[in-house]
C-alpha atoms as a PDB file:
ATOM      1  CA  MET A   1      76.584 178.439  75.301  1.00  0.00           C
ATOM      2  CA  SER A   2      80.657 178.099  75.765  1.00  0.00           C
ATOM      3  CA  ASP A   3      80.042 179.740  79.481  1.00  0.00           C
ATOM      4  CA  ASP A   4      77.016 177.292  79.916  1.00  0.00           C
ATOM      5  CA  LEU A   5      79.107 174.410  79.291  1.00  0.00           C
ATOM      6  CA  GLY A   6      82.284 175.528  81.475  1.00  0.00           C
ATOM      7  CA  VAL A   7      79.888 176.158  84.766  1.00  0.00           C
ATOM      8  CA  LEU A   8      77.940 172.552  83.981  1.00  0.00           C
ATOM      9  CA  THR A   9      81.949 171.056  83.407  1.00  0.00           C
ATOM     10  CA  ALA A  10      83.110 172.805  87.034  1.00  0.00           C
ATOM     11  CA  ILE A  11      79.730 171.447  88.495  1.00  0.00           C
ATOM     12  CA  TYR A  12      80.282 167.940  87.476  1.00  0.00           C
ATOM     13  CA  GLN A  13      84.108 168.141  88.139  1.00  0.00           C
ATOM     14  CA  SER A  14      82.952 169.343  91.765  1.00  0.00           C
ATOM     15  CA  ASP A  15      80.595 166.440  92.265  1.00  0.00           C
ATOM     16  CA  ARG A  16      82.925 164.087  91.005  1.00  0.00           C
ATOM     17  CA  ALA A  17      85.869 165.106  93.616  1.00  0.00           C
ATOM     18  CA  ASP A  18      83.275 165.254  96.303  1.00  0.00           C
ATOM     19  CA  ARG A  19      82.015 161.727  95.272  1.00  0.00           C
ATOM     20  CA  SER A  20      85.085 160.689  95.481  1.00  0.00           C
ATOM     21  CA  THR A  21      85.695 161.565  99.394  1.00  0.00           C
ATOM     22  CA  THR A  22      82.270 160.128 100.357  1.00  0.00           C
ATOM     23  CA  LEU A  23      84.229 156.943  99.404  1.00  0.00           C
ATOM     24  CA  THR A  24      86.977 157.893 100.805  1.00  0.00           C
ATOM     25  CA  VAL A  25      85.125 158.560 104.094  1.00  0.00           C
ATOM     26  CA  SER A  26      83.160 155.713 104.347  1.00  0.00           C
ATOM     27  CA  LEU A  27      85.972 153.406 103.825  1.00  0.00           C
ATOM     28  CA  ALA A  28      87.779 155.099 106.732  1.00  0.00           C
ATOM     29  CA  THR A  29      85.057 154.968 108.892  1.00  0.00           C
ATOM     30  CA  MET A  30      84.057 151.431 107.826  1.00  0.00           C
ATOM     31  CA  GLY A  31      88.127 150.749 108.641  1.00  0.00           C
ATOM     32  CA  VAL A  32      87.580 152.323 112.429  1.00  0.00           C
ATOM     33  CA  ALA A  33      83.918 150.092 112.579  1.00  0.00           C
ATOM     34  CA  VAL A  34      86.123 146.349 111.785  1.00  0.00           C
ATOM     35  CA  THR A  35      88.855 147.466 114.200  1.00  0.00           C
ATOM     36  CA  TYR A  36      86.541 148.656 116.922  1.00  0.00           C
ATOM     37  CA  VAL A  37      84.613 145.087 116.716  1.00  0.00           C
ATOM     38  CA  VAL A  38      87.763 142.848 116.273  1.00  0.00           C
ATOM     39  CA  GLY A  39      89.042 144.987 119.203  1.00  0.00           C
ATOM     40  CA  THR A  40      86.320 143.641 121.658  1.00  0.00           C
ATOM     41  CA  ILE A  41      85.865 140.154 120.490  1.00  0.00           C
ATOM     42  CA  ALA A  42      89.623 139.464 121.459  1.00  0.00           C
ATOM     43  CA  PHE A  43      88.997 140.934 124.707  1.00  0.00           C
ATOM     44  CA  TYR A  44      85.767 139.012 125.175  1.00  0.00           C
ATOM     45  CA  ASP A  45      86.626 137.188 127.971  1.00  0.00           C
ATOM     46  CA  LYS A  46      87.866 140.560 130.109  1.00  0.00           C
ATOM     47  CA  LEU A  47      84.588 142.575 129.059  1.00  0.00           C
ATOM     48  CA  ASP A  48      82.852 141.219 132.285  1.00  0.00           C
ATOM     49  CA  LEU A  49      85.150 143.808 134.014  1.00  0.00           C
ATOM     50  CA  LEU A  50      83.184 146.398 132.852  1.00  0.00           C
ATOM     51  CA  GLY A  51      80.068 145.346 134.262  1.00  0.00           C
ATOM     52  CA  TRP A  52      77.104 146.888 133.180  1.00  0.00           C
ATOM     53  CA  ALA A  53      78.443 149.166 131.157  1.00  0.00           C
ATOM     54  CA  ILE A  54      78.969 146.402 128.229  1.00  0.00           C
ATOM     55  CA  CYS A  55      75.693 147.234 127.084  1.00  0.00           C
ATOM     56  CA  LEU A  56      77.314 150.660 125.719  1.00  0.00           C
ATOM     57  CA  LEU A  57      79.522 148.983 123.332  1.00  0.00           C
ATOM     58  CA  PRO A  58      77.693 148.346 120.449  1.00  0.00           C
ATOM     59  CA  PHE A  59      76.558 152.166 120.500  1.00  0.00           C
ATOM     60  CA  PRO A  60      79.523 153.351 118.465  1.00  0.00           C
ATOM     61  CA  LEU A  61      78.328 150.778 115.812  1.00  0.00           C
ATOM     62  CA  ILE A  62      74.898 152.210 115.502  1.00  0.00           C
ATOM     63  CA  CYS A  63      76.246 155.395 114.658  1.00  0.00           C
ATOM     64  CA  VAL A  64      78.601 154.524 112.262  1.00  0.00           C
ATOM     65  CA  ALA A  65      75.787 152.558 110.913  1.00  0.00           C
ATOM     66  CA  ALA A  66      73.699 156.121 110.614  1.00  0.00           C
ATOM     67  CA  TYR A  67      76.596 157.970 109.545  1.00  0.00           C
ATOM     68  CA  GLN A  68      77.159 155.321 106.539  1.00  0.00           C
ATOM     69  CA  ALA A  69      73.555 155.702 105.750  1.00  0.00           C
ATOM     70  CA  LEU A  70      73.628 159.284 105.616  1.00  0.00           C
ATOM     71  CA  LEU A  71      76.833 158.576 103.642  1.00  0.00           C
ATOM     72  CA  LEU A  72      75.147 156.035 101.338  1.00  0.00           C
ATOM     73  CA  ASN A  73      72.048 158.813 100.199  1.00  0.00           C
ATOM     74  CA  LEU A  74      75.053 161.723  99.598  1.00  0.00           C
ATOM     75  CA  ALA A  75      76.112 159.239  97.366  1.00  0.00           C
ATOM     76  CA  ALA A  76      73.134 158.749  95.601  1.00  0.00           C
ATOM     77  CA  VAL A  77      72.075 162.265  95.319  1.00  0.00           C
ATOM     78  CA  ARG A  78      75.634 163.064  94.025  1.00  0.00           C
ATOM     79  CA  ALA A  79      75.401 160.157  91.189  1.00  0.00           C
ATOM     80  CA  ARG A  80      71.908 161.623  90.607  1.00  0.00           C
ATOM     81  CA  SER A  81      73.396 165.409  90.132  1.00  0.00           C
ATOM     82  CA  MET A  82      76.602 163.419  87.425  1.00  0.00           C
ATOM     83  CA  LEU A  83      74.140 161.735  85.685  1.00  0.00           C
ATOM     84  CA  THR A  84      71.928 165.253  84.882  1.00  0.00           C
ATOM     85  CA  LEU A  85      74.844 167.158  84.751  1.00  0.00           C
ATOM     86  CA  GLU A  86      76.624 164.704  81.744  1.00  0.00           C
ATOM     87  CA  ARG A  87      73.463 164.551  80.054  1.00  0.00           C
ATOM     88  CA  ALA A  88      73.213 167.987  79.336  1.00  0.00           C
ATOM     89  CA  LEU A  89      77.250 168.150  78.692  1.00  0.00           C
ATOM     90  CA  PHE A  90      76.652 165.232  76.061  1.00  0.00           C
ATOM     91  CA  ASP A  91      73.820 167.161  74.656  1.00  0.00           C
ATOM     92  CA  GLN A  92      76.195 169.918  73.630  1.00  0.00           C
ATOM     93  CA  LEU A  93      78.165 167.733  71.406  1.00  0.00           C
ATOM     94  CA  SER A  94      78.034 167.800  68.021  1.00  0.00           C
ATOM     95  CA  GLY A  95      79.769 166.552  64.854  1.00  0.00           C
ATOM     96  CA  PRO A  96      79.278 163.197  63.192  1.00  0.00           C
ATOM     97  CA  ASP A  97      80.978 161.217  66.110  1.00  0.00           C
ATOM     98  CA  ALA A  98      78.461 162.651  68.698  1.00  0.00           C
ATOM     99  CA  SER A  99      75.384 160.472  67.228  1.00  0.00           C
ATOM    100  CA  SER A 100      77.839 157.288  67.365  1.00  0.00           C
ATOM    101  CA  LEU A 101      78.644 157.766  70.826  1.00  0.00           C
ATOM    102  CA  ASP A 102      77.142 155.298  73.331  1.00  0.00           C
ATOM    103  CA  ARG A 103      76.634 157.187  76.156  1.00  0.00           C
ATOM    104  CA  GLY A 104      75.945 154.149  78.450  1.00  0.00           C
ATOM    105  CA  GLU A 105      79.472 153.033  77.754  1.00  0.00           C
ATOM    106  CA  ILE A 106      80.983 155.863  79.243  1.00  0.00           C
ATOM    107  CA  GLY A 107      81.128 158.030  82.009  1.00  0.00           C
ATOM    108  CA  VAL A 108      78.963 157.762  85.596  1.00  0.00           C
ATOM    109  CA  THR A 109      76.516 156.268  83.473  1.00  0.00           C
ATOM    110  CA  ALA A 110      78.215 153.284  82.704  1.00  0.00           C
ATOM    111  CA  SER A 111      79.804 153.132  86.149  1.00  0.00           C
ATOM    112  CA  GLU A 112      76.204 153.235  87.902  1.00  0.00           C
ATOM    113  CA  ARG A 113      74.791 150.620  85.682  1.00  0.00           C
ATOM    114  CA  ALA A 114      78.016 148.316  86.092  1.00  0.00           C
ATOM    115  CA  ALA A 115      77.829 148.783  90.404  1.00  0.00           C
ATOM    116  CA  ASN A 116      74.254 149.877  90.908  1.00  0.00           C
ATOM    117  CA  LEU A 117      72.095 147.122  93.123  1.00  0.00           C
ATOM    118  CA  HIS A 118      69.288 148.413  90.482  1.00  0.00           C
ATOM    119  CA  THR A 119      70.880 147.831  87.485  1.00  0.00           C
ATOM    120  CA  ALA A 120      74.022 145.289  87.700  1.00  0.00           C
ATOM    121  CA  HIS A 121      74.306 142.484  86.413  1.00  0.00           C
ATOM    122  CA  PRO A 122      72.618 139.298  89.094  1.00  0.00           C
ATOM    123  CA  SER A 123      75.821 138.105  90.103  1.00  0.00           C
ATOM    124  CA  GLN A 124      76.986 141.726  91.071  1.00  0.00           C
ATOM    125  CA  ARG A 125      73.420 142.542  92.992  1.00  0.00           C
ATOM    126  CA  ALA A 126      74.139 139.246  95.011  1.00  0.00           C
ATOM    127  CA  ALA A 127      77.728 140.723  95.923  1.00  0.00           C
ATOM    128  CA  ILE A 128      76.129 144.090  96.708  1.00  0.00           C
ATOM    129  CA  LEU A 129      73.733 142.321  98.974  1.00  0.00           C
ATOM    130  CA  ILE A 130      76.299 140.049 101.010  1.00  0.00           C
ATOM    131  CA  ALA A 131      78.335 143.253 101.418  1.00  0.00           C
ATOM    132  CA  TYR A 132      75.597 145.560 102.861  1.00  0.00           C
ATOM    133  CA  GLY A 133      73.519 142.544 104.132  1.00  0.00           C
ATOM    134  CA  GLY A 134      76.867 141.401 105.726  1.00  0.00           C
ATOM    135  CA  VAL A 135      77.158 144.448 107.831  1.00  0.00           C
ATOM    136  CA  GLY A 136      73.801 144.524 108.969  1.00  0.00           C
ATOM    137  CA  VAL A 137      74.516 141.176 110.389  1.00  0.00           C
ATOM    138  CA  ILE A 138      78.000 142.093 112.070  1.00  0.00           C
ATOM    139  CA  ASP A 139      76.053 145.047 113.065  1.00  0.00           C
ATOM    140  CA  VAL A 140      73.054 143.167 114.845  1.00  0.00           C
ATOM    141  CA  GLY A 141      74.996 140.128 115.631  1.00  0.00           C
ATOM    142  CA  TYR A 142      77.140 141.837 117.316  1.00  0.00           C
ATOM    143  CA  ILE A 143      74.830 144.077 119.606  1.00  0.00           C
ATOM    144  CA  GLY A 144      73.282 140.623 120.564  1.00  0.00           C
ATOM    145  CA  LEU A 145      76.501 139.359 121.785  1.00  0.00           C
ATOM    146  CA  MET A 146      77.201 142.124 124.168  1.00  0.00           C
ATOM    147  CA  LEU A 147      73.624 141.981 125.510  1.00  0.00           C
ATOM    148  CA  VAL A 148      73.606 138.491 126.324  1.00  0.00           C
ATOM    149  CA  LYS A 149      77.263 139.183 127.981  1.00  0.00           C
ATOM    150  CA  ALA A 150      75.704 142.303 130.129  1.00  0.00           C
ATOM    151  CA  ALA A 151      72.836 140.388 130.787  1.00  0.00           C
ATOM    152  CA  ALA A 152      74.791 138.869 133.458  1.00  0.00           C
ATOM    153  CA  HIS A 153      75.164 142.278 135.149  1.00  0.00           C
ATOM    154  CA  LEU A 154      71.708 143.937 134.757  1.00  0.00           C
ATOM    155  CA  SER A 155      69.330 141.053 135.335  1.00  0.00           C
ATOM    156  CA  GLY A 156      65.786 142.181 134.964  1.00  0.00           C
ATOM    157  CA  TRP A 157      67.488 145.387 133.510  1.00  0.00           C
ATOM    158  CA  ILE A 158      68.728 144.392 130.577  1.00  0.00           C
ATOM    159  CA  ALA A 159      64.826 145.319 128.750  1.00  0.00           C
ATOM    160  CA  VAL A 160      66.063 148.564 129.008  1.00  0.00           C
ATOM    161  CA  PRO A 161      69.108 148.735 126.406  1.00  0.00           C
ATOM    162  CA  VAL A 162      67.613 145.657 124.409  1.00  0.00           C
ATOM    163  CA  GLY A 163      64.295 148.245 123.969  1.00  0.00           C
ATOM    164  CA  ALA A 164      67.195 151.447 123.819  1.00  0.00           C
ATOM    165  CA  TYR A 165      69.182 149.666 120.760  1.00  0.00           C
ATOM    166  CA  ALA A 166      65.638 148.389 119.216  1.00  0.00           C
ATOM    167  CA  ALA A 167      64.507 151.807 118.692  1.00  0.00           C
ATOM    168  CA  LEU A 168      67.582 152.882 117.490  1.00  0.00           C
ATOM    169  CA  LEU A 169      67.913 150.174 114.695  1.00  0.00           C
ATOM    170  CA  VAL A 170      64.438 151.313 113.519  1.00  0.00           C
ATOM    171  CA  PRO A 171      65.477 154.633 112.046  1.00  0.00           C
ATOM    172  CA  VAL A 172      68.691 153.521 110.512  1.00  0.00           C
ATOM    173  CA  ALA A 173      67.042 150.851 108.933  1.00  0.00           C
ATOM    174  CA  LEU A 174      64.667 152.872 107.399  1.00  0.00           C
ATOM    175  CA  ALA A 175      67.735 155.374 106.396  1.00  0.00           C
ATOM    176  CA  TRP A 176      69.195 152.795 104.487  1.00  0.00           C
ATOM    177  CA  ARG A 177      65.996 151.562 103.171  1.00  0.00           C
ATOM    178  CA  HIS A 178      65.557 155.021 101.658  1.00  0.00           C
ATOM    179  CA  SER A 179      69.374 155.764 100.991  1.00  0.00           C
ATOM    180  CA  THR A 180      69.324 152.586  98.274  1.00  0.00           C
ATOM    181  CA  ALA A 181      66.003 153.555  97.033  1.00  0.00           C
ATOM    182  CA  ASN A 182      67.470 156.575  95.920  1.00  0.00           C
ATOM    183  CA  PHE A 183      69.612 154.397  93.599  1.00  0.00           C
ATOM    184  CA  ASP A 184      66.320 153.896  91.624  1.00  0.00           C
ATOM    185  CA  PHE A 185      67.568 156.246  88.409  1.00  0.00           C
ATOM    186  CA  GLY A 186      64.882 154.953  86.633  1.00  0.00           C
ATOM    187  CA  HIS A 187      61.988 156.070  88.955  1.00  0.00           C
ATOM    188  CA  PRO A 188      62.394 159.970  89.464  1.00  0.00           C
ATOM    189  CA  ARG A 189      62.836 160.972  93.248  1.00  0.00           C
ATOM    190  CA  ARG A 190      59.320 162.425  95.004  1.00  0.00           C
ATOM    191  CA  PRO A 191      59.506 165.528  97.014  1.00  0.00           C
ATOM    192  CA  GLY A 192      60.314 164.551 100.960  1.00  0.00           C
ATOM    193  CA  ALA A 193      61.351 165.640 103.775  1.00  0.00           C
ATOM    194  CA  GLY A 194      64.628 167.163 103.666  1.00  0.00           C
ATOM    195  CA  ASP A 195      64.123 166.612  99.146  1.00  0.00           C
ATOM    196  CA  ALA A 196      64.523 169.682  97.187  1.00  0.00           C
ATOM    197  CA  PRO A 197      61.258 169.510  95.181  1.00  0.00           C
ATOM    198  CA  THR A 198      61.725 167.897  91.430  1.00  0.00           C
ATOM    199  CA  ARG A 199      60.810 169.774  88.095  1.00  0.00           C
END
């Protein structure tokens, strides 16, 4: 039994370290995206020198948004794993203090309940929606701004990048929706493309 406990603890610690790394990478990519937006907007009046290539400027933000969706989904998977391991570790507790321990107030369970869109306090939910929704508004606004700027150089051909960005935004939006839904720990995940079967 002690060997099993050691294995569970090692996996739990690994998941926590991986999730911390994921958060660090996510913050770094957001910093790069913000720098990119601010940098290009600062030279907005000189972008005409790029000609039709202005329409290519939003593409890196699409890539960042897609990557952030992947990181968000990975964070949800890690959280599910840690919650499962946490329950298994709690079940190994014994003694008089084990029954009085409030499992909802410690560990990943407490942090997820406080910061998860599906379980957080209404004011925290509003903050989460502003954070994620704001990123979406900035991305879409930036794309629109650059396409308007590029329209003077592309004339009727502006429909090509408009259609391309619309086509790219659909799977990115669906990925964000899927990743957010995976944070609803009150409902078990259903097996899907790329998901491991649940037991």
